[in-house]
PDB file of N, CA and C in Angstrom:
ATOM      1  N   UNK A   1      43.152  65.338   4.165  1.00  0.00           N
ATOM      2  CA  UNK A   1      41.818  65.855   3.966  1.00  0.00           C
ATOM      3  C   UNK A   1      41.429  66.642   5.228  1.00  0.00           C
ATOM      4  N   UNK A   2      41.058  67.868   5.044  1.00  0.00           N
ATOM      5  CA  UNK A   2      40.681  68.678   6.196  1.00  0.00           C
ATOM      6  C   UNK A   2      39.201  68.502   6.530  1.00  0.00           C
ATOM      7  N   UNK A   3      38.762  69.114   7.588  1.00  0.00           N
ATOM      8  CA  UNK A   3      37.402  68.890   8.075  1.00  0.00           C
ATOM      9  C   UNK A   3      36.346  69.460   7.134  1.00  0.00           C
ATOM     10  N   UNK A   4      36.648  70.516   6.371  1.00  0.00           N
ATOM     11  CA  UNK A   4      35.666  71.086   5.449  1.00  0.00           C
ATOM     12  C   UNK A   4      35.407  70.154   4.271  1.00  0.00           C
ATOM     13  N   UNK A   5      36.448  69.546   3.772  1.00  0.00           N
ATOM     14  CA  UNK A   5      36.248  68.647   2.641  1.00  0.00           C
ATOM     15  C   UNK A   5      35.549  67.363   3.071  1.00  0.00           C
ATOM     16  N   UNK A   6      35.690  66.970   4.331  1.00  0.00           N
ATOM     17  CA  UNK A   6      34.991  65.782   4.822  1.00  0.00           C
ATOM     18  C   UNK A   6      33.474  65.988   4.871  1.00  0.00           C
ATOM     19  N   UNK A   7      33.034  67.213   5.019  1.00  0.00           N
ATOM     20  CA  UNK A   7      31.603  67.493   5.073  1.00  0.00           C
ATOM     21  C   UNK A   7      30.909  67.179   3.751  1.00  0.00           C
ATOM     22  N   UNK A   8      31.638  67.242   2.664  1.00  0.00           N
ATOM     23  CA  UNK A   8      31.041  67.062   1.352  1.00  0.00           C
ATOM     24  C   UNK A   8      31.199  65.657   0.800  1.00  0.00           C
ATOM     25  N   UNK A   9      31.665  64.725   1.597  1.00  0.00           N
ATOM     26  CA  UNK A   9      31.781  63.339   1.166  1.00  0.00           C
ATOM     27  C   UNK A   9      30.808  62.484   1.964  1.00  0.00           C
ATOM     28  N   UNK A  10      30.203  61.545   1.293  1.00  0.00           N
ATOM     29  CA  UNK A  10      29.317  60.631   2.016  1.00  0.00           C
ATOM     30  C   UNK A  10      30.138  59.482   2.559  1.00  0.00           C
ATOM     31  N   UNK A  11      29.651  58.835   3.576  1.00  0.00           N
ATOM     32  CA  UNK A  11      30.391  57.726   4.173  1.00  0.00           C
ATOM     33  C   UNK A  11      30.274  56.461   3.330  1.00  0.00           C
ATOM     34  N   UNK A  12      29.279  56.378   2.475  1.00  0.00           N
ATOM     35  CA  UNK A  12      29.076  55.150   1.705  1.00  0.00           C
ATOM     36  C   UNK A  12      29.934  55.092   0.448  1.00  0.00           C
ATOM     37  N   UNK A  13      29.960  56.164  -0.302  1.00  0.00           N
ATOM     38  CA  UNK A  13      30.540  56.047  -1.635  1.00  0.00           C
ATOM     39  C   UNK A  13      31.814  56.856  -1.846  1.00  0.00           C
ATOM     40  N   UNK A  14      32.136  57.760  -0.992  1.00  0.00           N
ATOM     41  CA  UNK A  14      33.300  58.632  -1.139  1.00  0.00           C
ATOM     42  C   UNK A  14      33.233  59.491  -2.396  1.00  0.00           C
ATOM     43  N   UNK A  15      32.041  59.703  -2.900  1.00  0.00           N
ATOM     44  CA  UNK A  15      31.881  60.604  -4.030  1.00  0.00           C
ATOM     45  C   UNK A  15      31.517  61.982  -3.506  1.00  0.00           C
ATOM     46  N   UNK A  16      32.066  63.018  -4.106  1.00  0.00           N
ATOM     47  CA  UNK A  16      31.758  64.349  -3.590  1.00  0.00           C
ATOM     48  C   UNK A  16      30.298  64.734  -3.866  1.00  0.00           C
ATOM     49  N   UNK A  17      29.686  65.327  -2.879  1.00  0.00           N
ATOM     50  CA  UNK A  17      28.334  65.856  -3.035  1.00  0.00           C
ATOM     51  C   UNK A  17      28.423  67.347  -2.785  1.00  0.00           C
ATOM     52  N   UNK A  18      28.062  68.110  -3.761  1.00  0.00           N
ATOM     53  CA  UNK A  18      28.102  69.554  -3.575  1.00  0.00           C
ATOM     54  C   UNK A  18      26.886  69.986  -2.777  1.00  0.00           C
ATOM     55  N   UNK A  19      26.927  71.196  -2.302  1.00  0.00           N
ATOM     56  CA  UNK A  19      25.817  71.688  -1.498  1.00  0.00           C
ATOM     57  C   UNK A  19      24.526  71.747  -2.313  1.00  0.00           C
ATOM     58  N   UNK A  20      24.617  72.193  -3.541  1.00  0.00           N
ATOM     59  CA  UNK A  20      23.408  72.306  -4.359  1.00  0.00           C
ATOM     60  C   UNK A  20      22.856  70.928  -4.694  1.00  0.00           C
ATOM     61  N   UNK A  21      23.723  69.959  -4.959  1.00  0.00           N
ATOM     62  CA  UNK A  21      23.261  68.609  -5.263  1.00  0.00           C
ATOM     63  C   UNK A  21      22.551  68.003  -4.055  1.00  0.00           C
ATOM     64  N   UNK A  22      23.084  68.220  -2.864  1.00  0.00           N
ATOM     65  CA  UNK A  22      22.467  67.677  -1.657  1.00  0.00           C
ATOM     66  C   UNK A  22      21.091  68.309  -1.426  1.00  0.00           C
ATOM     67  N   UNK A  23      20.980  69.592  -1.683  1.00  0.00           N
ATOM     68  CA  UNK A  23      19.699  70.273  -1.516  1.00  0.00           C
ATOM     69  C   UNK A  23      18.680  69.733  -2.512  1.00  0.00           C
ATOM     70  N   UNK A  24      19.097  69.518  -3.754  1.00  0.00           N
ATOM     71  CA  UNK A  24      18.169  69.025  -4.771  1.00  0.00           C
ATOM     72  C   UNK A  24      17.796  67.570  -4.539  1.00  0.00           C
ATOM     73  N   UNK A  25      18.659  66.816  -3.856  1.00  0.00           N
ATOM     74  CA  UNK A  25      18.298  65.440  -3.528  1.00  0.00           C
ATOM     75  C   UNK A  25      17.103  65.415  -2.595  1.00  0.00           C
ATOM     76  N   UNK A  26      17.074  66.296  -1.612  1.00  0.00           N
ATOM     77  CA  UNK A  26      15.941  66.358  -0.703  1.00  0.00           C
ATOM     78  C   UNK A  26      14.677  66.784  -1.435  1.00  0.00           C
ATOM     79  N   UNK A  27      14.807  67.761  -2.323  1.00  0.00           N
ATOM     80  CA  UNK A  27      13.653  68.235  -3.087  1.00  0.00           C
ATOM     81  C   UNK A  27      13.136  67.128  -3.991  1.00  0.00           C
ATOM     82  N   UNK A  28      14.035  66.375  -4.601  1.00  0.00           N
ATOM     83  CA  UNK A  28      13.625  65.295  -5.492  1.00  0.00           C
ATOM     84  C   UNK A  28      12.915  64.195  -4.715  1.00  0.00           C
ATOM     85  N   UNK A  29      13.404  63.868  -3.531  1.00  0.00           N
ATOM     86  CA  UNK A  29      12.732  62.858  -2.714  1.00  0.00           C
ATOM     87  C   UNK A  29      11.339  63.312  -2.316  1.00  0.00           C
ATOM     88  N   UNK A  30      11.220  64.548  -1.882  1.00  0.00           N
ATOM     89  CA  UNK A  30       9.914  65.063  -1.476  1.00  0.00           C
ATOM     90  C   UNK A  30       8.953  65.108  -2.663  1.00  0.00           C
ATOM     91  N   UNK A  31       9.473  65.483  -3.828  1.00  0.00           N
ATOM     92  CA  UNK A  31       8.629  65.529  -5.014  1.00  0.00           C
ATOM     93  C   UNK A  31       8.157  64.131  -5.396  1.00  0.00           C
ATOM     94  N   UNK A  32       9.044  63.154  -5.298  1.00  0.00           N
ATOM     95  CA  UNK A  32       8.639  61.790  -5.646  1.00  0.00           C
ATOM     96  C   UNK A  32       7.628  61.249  -4.641  1.00  0.00           C
ATOM     97  N   UNK A  33       7.778  61.575  -3.364  1.00  0.00           N
ATOM     98  CA  UNK A  33       6.792  61.150  -2.363  1.00  0.00           C
ATOM     99  C   UNK A  33       5.458  61.833  -2.615  1.00  0.00           C
ATOM    100  N   UNK A  34       5.506  63.110  -2.989  1.00  0.00           N
ATOM    101  CA  UNK A  34       4.278  63.847  -3.282  1.00  0.00           C
ATOM    102  C   UNK A  34       3.546  63.215  -4.462  1.00  0.00           C
ATOM    103  N   UNK A  35       4.276  62.880  -5.516  1.00  0.00           N
ATOM    104  CA  UNK A  35       3.640  62.259  -6.682  1.00  0.00           C
ATOM    105  C   UNK A  35       3.140  60.852  -6.369  1.00  0.00           C
ATOM    106  N   UNK A  36       3.833  60.136  -5.501  1.00  0.00           N
ATOM    107  CA  UNK A  36       3.375  58.812  -5.094  1.00  0.00           C
ATOM    108  C   UNK A  36       2.045  58.908  -4.349  1.00  0.00           C
ATOM    109  N   UNK A  37       1.949  59.827  -3.401  1.00  0.00           N
ATOM    110  CA  UNK A  37       0.702  60.004  -2.647  1.00  0.00           C
ATOM    111  C   UNK A  37      -0.413  60.474  -3.564  1.00  0.00           C
ATOM    112  N   UNK A  38      -0.111  61.395  -4.474  1.00  0.00           N
ATOM    113  CA  UNK A  38      -1.116  61.873  -5.425  1.00  0.00           C
ATOM    114  C   UNK A  38      -1.590  60.741  -6.330  1.00  0.00           C
ATOM    115  N   UNK A  39      -0.680  59.914  -6.795  1.00  0.00           N
ATOM    116  CA  UNK A  39      -1.050  58.778  -7.640  1.00  0.00           C
ATOM    117  C   UNK A  39      -1.895  57.763  -6.906  1.00  0.00           C
ATOM    118  N   UNK A  40      -1.560  57.501  -5.639  1.00  0.00           N
ATOM    119  CA  UNK A  40      -2.374  56.580  -4.843  1.00  0.00           C
ATOM    120  C   UNK A  40      -3.775  57.130  -4.624  1.00  0.00           C
ATOM    121  N   UNK A  41      -3.887  58.430  -4.393  1.00  0.00           N
ATOM    122  CA  UNK A  41      -5.200  59.045  -4.179  1.00  0.00           C
ATOM    123  C   UNK A  41      -6.051  58.975  -5.443  1.00  0.00           C
ATOM    124  N   UNK A  42      -5.473  59.358  -6.583  1.00  0.00           N
ATOM    125  CA  UNK A  42      -6.227  59.323  -7.845  1.00  0.00           C
ATOM    126  C   UNK A  42      -6.591  57.885  -8.201  1.00  0.00           C
ATOM    127  N   UNK A  43      -5.675  56.957  -8.004  1.00  0.00           N
ATOM    128  CA  UNK A  43      -5.974  55.550  -8.261  1.00  0.00           C
ATOM    129  C   UNK A  43      -7.075  55.024  -7.366  1.00  0.00           C
ATOM    130  N   UNK A  44      -7.089  55.457  -6.114  1.00  0.00           N
ATOM    131  CA  UNK A  44      -8.145  55.040  -5.198  1.00  0.00           C
ATOM    132  C   UNK A  44      -9.505  55.563  -5.608  1.00  0.00           C
ATOM    133  N   UNK A  45      -9.553  56.819  -6.042  1.00  0.00           N
ATOM    134  CA  UNK A  45     -10.830  57.402  -6.478  1.00  0.00           C
ATOM    135  C   UNK A  45     -11.340  56.687  -7.721  1.00  0.00           C
ATOM    136  N   UNK A  46     -10.469  56.482  -8.702  1.00  0.00           N
ATOM    137  CA  UNK A  46     -10.894  55.800  -9.930  1.00  0.00           C
ATOM    138  C   UNK A  46     -11.248  54.342  -9.655  1.00  0.00           C
ATOM    139  N   UNK A  47     -10.511  53.697  -8.773  1.00  0.00           N
ATOM    140  CA  UNK A  47     -10.821  52.314  -8.415  1.00  0.00           C
ATOM    141  C   UNK A  47     -12.154  52.187  -7.708  1.00  0.00           C
ATOM    142  N   UNK A  48     -12.470  53.157  -6.856  1.00  0.00           N
ATOM    143  CA  UNK A  48     -13.762  53.139  -6.171  1.00  0.00           C
ATOM    144  C   UNK A  48     -14.900  53.320  -7.162  1.00  0.00           C
ATOM    145  N   UNK A  49     -14.738  54.259  -8.109  1.00  0.00           N
ATOM    146  CA  UNK A  49     -15.782  54.481  -9.112  1.00  0.00           C
ATOM    147  C   UNK A  49     -15.973  53.237  -9.975  1.00  0.00           C
ATOM    148  N   UNK A  50     -14.885  52.601 -10.378  1.00  0.00           N
ATOM    149  CA  UNK A  50     -14.998  51.382 -11.183  1.00  0.00           C
ATOM    150  C   UNK A  50     -15.623  50.256 -10.369  1.00  0.00           C
ATOM    151  N   UNK A  51     -15.297  50.168  -9.094  1.00  0.00           N
ATOM    152  CA  UNK A  51     -15.880  49.135  -8.239  1.00  0.00           C
ATOM    153  C   UNK A  51     -17.371  49.317  -8.047  1.00  0.00           C
ATOM    154  N   UNK A  52     -17.813  50.562  -7.937  1.00  0.00           N
ATOM    155  CA  UNK A  52     -19.253  50.832  -7.819  1.00  0.00           C
ATOM    156  C   UNK A  52     -19.962  50.389  -9.091  1.00  0.00           C
ATOM    157  N   UNK A  53     -19.368  50.691 -10.252  1.00  0.00           N
ATOM    158  CA  UNK A  53     -19.991  50.291 -11.516  1.00  0.00           C
ATOM    159  C   UNK A  53     -20.029  48.777 -11.663  1.00  0.00           C
ATOM    160  N   UNK A  54     -18.979  48.101 -11.245  1.00  0.00           N
ATOM    161  CA  UNK A  54     -18.969  46.637 -11.322  1.00  0.00           C
ATOM    162  C   UNK A  54     -20.032  46.063 -10.397  1.00  0.00           C
ATOM    163  N   UNK A  55     -20.187  46.654  -9.220  1.00  0.00           N
ATOM    164  CA  UNK A  55     -21.189  46.185  -8.275  1.00  0.00           C
ATOM    165  C   UNK A  55     -22.610  46.381  -8.761  1.00  0.00           C
ATOM    166  N   UNK A  56     -22.824  47.368  -9.607  1.00  0.00           N
ATOM    167  CA  UNK A  56     -24.166  47.638 -10.136  1.00  0.00           C
ATOM    168  C   UNK A  56     -24.406  46.963 -11.485  1.00  0.00           C
ATOM    169  N   UNK A  57     -23.499  46.143 -11.942  1.00  0.00           N
ATOM    170  CA  UNK A  57     -23.589  45.460 -13.243  1.00  0.00           C
ATOM    171  C   UNK A  57     -23.733  46.450 -14.386  1.00  0.00           C
ATOM    172  N   UNK A  58     -22.940  47.505 -14.358  1.00  0.00           N
ATOM    173  CA  UNK A  58     -22.909  48.502 -15.417  1.00  0.00           C
ATOM    174  C   UNK A  58     -21.527  48.471 -16.058  1.00  0.00           C
ATOM    175  N   UNK A  59     -21.384  49.081 -17.243  1.00  0.00           N
ATOM    176  CA  UNK A  59     -20.039  49.174 -17.827  1.00  0.00           C
ATOM    177  C   UNK A  59     -19.095  49.925 -16.884  1.00  0.00           C
ATOM    178  N   UNK A  60     -17.831  49.572 -16.919  1.00  0.00           N
ATOM    179  CA  UNK A  60     -16.872  50.104 -15.948  1.00  0.00           C
ATOM    180  C   UNK A  60     -16.721  51.620 -16.068  1.00  0.00           C
ATOM    181  N   UNK A  61     -16.727  52.155 -17.279  1.00  0.00           N
ATOM    182  CA  UNK A  61     -16.495  53.587 -17.458  1.00  0.00           C
ATOM    183  C   UNK A  61     -17.778  54.408 -17.484  1.00  0.00           C
ATOM    184  N   UNK A  62     -18.907  53.848 -17.074  1.00  0.00           N
ATOM    185  CA  UNK A  62     -20.145  54.628 -17.045  1.00  0.00           C
ATOM    186  C   UNK A  62     -20.186  55.484 -15.781  1.00  0.00           C
ATOM    187  N   UNK A  63     -21.212  56.310 -15.683  1.00  0.00           N
ATOM    188  CA  UNK A  63     -21.344  57.228 -14.560  1.00  0.00           C
ATOM    189  C   UNK A  63     -21.723  56.462 -13.294  1.00  0.00           C
ATOM    190  N   UNK A  64     -20.874  56.476 -12.264  1.00  0.00           N
ATOM    191  CA  UNK A  64     -21.222  55.736 -11.041  1.00  0.00           C
ATOM    192  C   UNK A  64     -22.306  56.414 -10.219  1.00  0.00           C
ATOM    193  N   UNK A  65     -22.644  57.675 -10.534  1.00  0.00           N
ATOM    194  CA  UNK A  65     -23.647  58.407  -9.778  1.00  0.00           C
ATOM    195  C   UNK A  65     -25.006  58.404 -10.464  1.00  0.00           C
ATOM    196  N   UNK A  66     -25.189  57.565 -11.481  1.00  0.00           N
ATOM    197  CA  UNK A  66     -26.485  57.510 -12.158  1.00  0.00           C
ATOM    198  C   UNK A  66     -27.539  56.983 -11.196  1.00  0.00           C
ATOM    199  N   UNK A  67     -28.800  57.289 -11.489  1.00  0.00           N
ATOM    200  CA  UNK A  67     -29.876  57.016 -10.535  1.00  0.00           C
ATOM    201  C   UNK A  67     -30.593  55.715 -10.853  1.00  0.00           C
ATOM    202  N   UNK A  68     -29.859  54.641 -11.030  1.00  0.00           N
ATOM    203  CA  UNK A  68     -30.496  53.340 -11.182  1.00  0.00           C
ATOM    204  C   UNK A  68     -30.422  52.654  -9.834  1.00  0.00           C
ATOM    205  N   UNK A  69     -31.544  52.585  -9.188  1.00  0.00           N
ATOM    206  CA  UNK A  69     -31.595  52.041  -7.834  1.00  0.00           C
ATOM    207  C   UNK A  69     -31.927  50.563  -7.873  1.00  0.00           C
ATOM    208  N   UNK A  70     -31.787  49.949  -6.744  1.00  0.00           N
ATOM    209  CA  UNK A  70     -32.050  48.520  -6.626  1.00  0.00           C
ATOM    210  C   UNK A  70     -33.533  48.245  -6.850  1.00  0.00           C
ATOM    211  N   UNK A  71     -34.402  49.156  -6.423  1.00  0.00           N
ATOM    212  CA  UNK A  71     -35.846  48.931  -6.576  1.00  0.00           C
ATOM    213  C   UNK A  71     -36.244  48.885  -8.048  1.00  0.00           C
ATOM    214  N   UNK A  72     -35.693  49.766  -8.878  1.00  0.00           N
ATOM    215  CA  UNK A  72     -36.025  49.724 -10.308  1.00  0.00           C
ATOM    216  C   UNK A  72     -35.453  48.468 -10.952  1.00  0.00           C
ATOM    217  N   UNK A  73     -34.269  48.063 -10.516  1.00  0.00           N
ATOM    218  CA  UNK A  73     -33.677  46.840 -11.060  1.00  0.00           C
ATOM    219  C   UNK A  73     -34.518  45.625 -10.675  1.00  0.00           C
ATOM    220  N   UNK A  74     -35.020  45.600  -9.427  1.00  0.00           N
ATOM    221  CA  UNK A  74     -35.874  44.491  -8.994  1.00  0.00           C
ATOM    222  C   UNK A  74     -37.194  44.492  -9.762  1.00  0.00           C
ATOM    223  N   UNK A  75     -37.735  45.674 -10.032  1.00  0.00           N
ATOM    224  CA  UNK A  75     -38.990  45.771 -10.769  1.00  0.00           C
ATOM    225  C   UNK A  75     -38.811  45.239 -12.194  1.00  0.00           C
ATOM    226  N   UNK A  76     -37.711  45.617 -12.838  1.00  0.00           N
ATOM    227  CA  UNK A  76     -37.442  45.121 -14.191  1.00  0.00           C
ATOM    228  C   UNK A  76     -37.246  43.608 -14.195  1.00  0.00           C
ATOM    229  N   UNK A  77     -36.531  43.098 -13.217  1.00  0.00           N
ATOM    230  CA  UNK A  77     -36.308  41.657 -13.128  1.00  0.00           C
ATOM    231  C   UNK A  77     -37.615  40.923 -12.860  1.00  0.00           C
ATOM    232  N   UNK A  78     -38.479  41.489 -12.024  1.00  0.00           N
ATOM    233  CA  UNK A  78     -39.790  40.889 -11.750  1.00  0.00           C
ATOM    234  C   UNK A  78     -40.664  40.847 -12.986  1.00  0.00           C
ATOM    235  N   UNK A  79     -40.636  41.917 -13.782  1.00  0.00           N
ATOM    236  CA  UNK A  79     -41.415  41.934 -15.029  1.00  0.00           C
ATOM    237  C   UNK A  79     -40.930  40.854 -15.990  1.00  0.00           C
ATOM    238  N   UNK A  80     -39.621  40.707 -16.102  1.00  0.00           N
ATOM    239  CA  UNK A  80     -39.079  39.661 -16.973  1.00  0.00           C
ATOM    240  C   UNK A  80     -39.474  38.276 -16.466  1.00  0.00           C
ATOM    241  N   UNK A  81     -39.438  38.077 -15.167  1.00  0.00           N
ATOM    242  CA  UNK A  81     -39.802  36.791 -14.576  1.00  0.00           C
ATOM    243  C   UNK A  81     -41.267  36.465 -14.837  1.00  0.00           C
ATOM    244  N   UNK A  82     -42.147  37.453 -14.677  1.00  0.00           N
ATOM    245  CA  UNK A  82     -43.574  37.232 -14.954  1.00  0.00           C
ATOM    246  C   UNK A  82     -43.809  36.888 -16.424  1.00  0.00           C
ATOM    247  N   UNK A  83     -43.137  37.604 -17.309  1.00  0.00           N
ATOM    248  CA  UNK A  83     -43.305  37.355 -18.741  1.00  0.00           C
ATOM    249  C   UNK A  83     -42.832  35.943 -19.098  1.00  0.00           C
ATOM    250  N   UNK A  84     -41.669  35.558 -18.574  1.00  0.00           N
ATOM    251  CA  UNK A  84     -41.140  34.229 -18.881  1.00  0.00           C
ATOM    252  C   UNK A  84     -41.993  33.126 -18.267  1.00  0.00           C
ATOM    253  N   UNK A  85     -42.502  33.346 -17.057  1.00  0.00           N
ATOM    254  CA  UNK A  85     -43.355  32.314 -16.443  1.00  0.00           C
ATOM    255  C   UNK A  85     -44.681  32.201 -17.179  1.00  0.00           C
ATOM    256  N   UNK A  86     -45.221  33.314 -17.665  1.00  0.00           N
ATOM    257  CA  UNK A  86     -46.452  33.260 -18.460  1.00  0.00           C
ATOM    258  C   UNK A  86     -46.249  32.478 -19.744  1.00  0.00           C
ATOM    259  N   UNK A  87     -45.120  32.705 -20.405  1.00  0.00           N
ATOM    260  CA  UNK A  87     -44.832  31.959 -21.631  1.00  0.00           C
ATOM    261  C   UNK A  87     -44.659  30.470 -21.329  1.00  0.00           C
ATOM    262  N   UNK A  88     -44.023  30.147 -20.205  1.00  0.00           N
ATOM    263  CA  UNK A  88     -43.827  28.741 -19.841  1.00  0.00           C
ATOM    264  C   UNK A  88     -45.164  28.066 -19.548  1.00  0.00           C
ATOM    265  N   UNK A  89     -46.075  28.782 -18.883  1.00  0.00           N
ATOM    266  CA  UNK A  89     -47.403  28.218 -18.596  1.00  0.00           C
ATOM    267  C   UNK A  89     -48.182  28.002 -19.887  1.00  0.00           C
ATOM    268  N   UNK A  90     -48.097  28.949 -20.820  1.00  0.00           N
ATOM    269  CA  UNK A  90     -48.779  28.789 -22.110  1.00  0.00           C
ATOM    270  C   UNK A  90     -48.232  27.583 -22.868  1.00  0.00           C
ATOM    271  N   UNK A  91     -46.909  27.434 -22.869  1.00  0.00           N
ATOM    272  CA  UNK A  91     -46.303  26.289 -23.557  1.00  0.00           C
ATOM    273  C   UNK A  91     -46.728  24.973 -22.906  1.00  0.00           C
ATOM    274  N   UNK A  92     -46.785  24.954 -21.569  1.00  0.00           N
ATOM    275  CA  UNK A  92     -47.209  23.736 -20.871  1.00  0.00           C
ATOM    276  C   UNK A  92     -48.675  23.436 -21.170  1.00  0.00           C
ATOM    277  N   UNK A  93     -49.511  24.473 -21.235  1.00  0.00           N
ATOM    278  CA  UNK A  93     -50.926  24.286 -21.568  1.00  0.00           C
ATOM    279  C   UNK A  93     -51.101  23.750 -22.975  1.00  0.00           C
ATOM    280  N   UNK A  94     -50.341  24.264 -23.921  1.00  0.00           N
ATOM    281  CA  UNK A  94     -50.423  23.768 -25.299  1.00  0.00           C
ATOM    282  C   UNK A  94     -49.972  22.309 -25.370  1.00  0.00           C
ATOM    283  N   UNK A  95     -48.920  21.980 -24.610  1.00  0.00           N
ATOM    284  CA  UNK A  95     -48.428  20.600 -24.614  1.00  0.00           C
ATOM    285  C   UNK A  95     -49.474  19.657 -24.029  1.00  0.00           C
ATOM    286  N   UNK A  96     -50.153  20.061 -22.956  1.00  0.00           N
ATOM    287  CA  UNK A  96     -51.220  19.239 -22.370  1.00  0.00           C
ATOM    288  C   UNK A  96     -52.393  19.085 -23.336  1.00  0.00           C
ATOM    289  N   UNK A  97     -52.752  20.165 -23.987  1.00  0.00           N
ATOM    290  CA  UNK A  97     -53.869  20.145 -24.933  1.00  0.00           C
ATOM    291  C   UNK A  97     -53.552  19.211 -26.101  1.00  0.00           C
ATOM    292  N   UNK A  98     -52.310  19.294 -26.588  1.00  0.00           N
ATOM    293  CA  UNK A  98     -51.911  18.431 -27.698  1.00  0.00           C
ATOM    294  C   UNK A  98     -51.848  16.960 -27.271  1.00  0.00           C
ATOM    295  N   UNK A  99     -51.476  16.701 -26.023  1.00  0.00           N
ATOM    296  CA  UNK A  99     -51.377  15.314 -25.575  1.00  0.00           C
ATOM    297  C   UNK A  99     -52.757  14.667 -25.419  1.00  0.00           C
ATOM    298  N   UNK A 100     -53.799  15.440 -25.122  1.00  0.00           N
ATOM    299  CA  UNK A 100     -55.144  14.893 -24.974  1.00  0.00           C
ATOM    300  C   UNK A 100     -55.872  14.772 -26.304  1.00  0.00           C
ATOM    301  N   UNK A 101     -55.405  15.382 -27.340  1.00  0.00           N
ATOM    302  CA  UNK A 101     -56.091  15.318 -28.637  1.00  0.00           C
ATOM    303  C   UNK A 101     -55.745  14.110 -29.397  1.00  0.00           C
TER     304      UNK A 101
END
């Protein structure tokens, strides 16, 4: 085996690698790394949007940029609390009234 033919053999497998195959191996590796980084970036963006929706107690695929703020959520929760406490006081008053009759 002369020195030129040794250039086209790998030390691991002794299989011939042509010049074009070796060039395409580098391109394929770079392409796979590029797609890996692109996939991680897109997954990170979608994961962040889903995490924001989960944190706001909204459906996962809803708009994460909607304008429902914490203050409006607190106001709605306060209104529900007042309504429920009023009903509880009325029920307690009726129970007291019935117990004295």
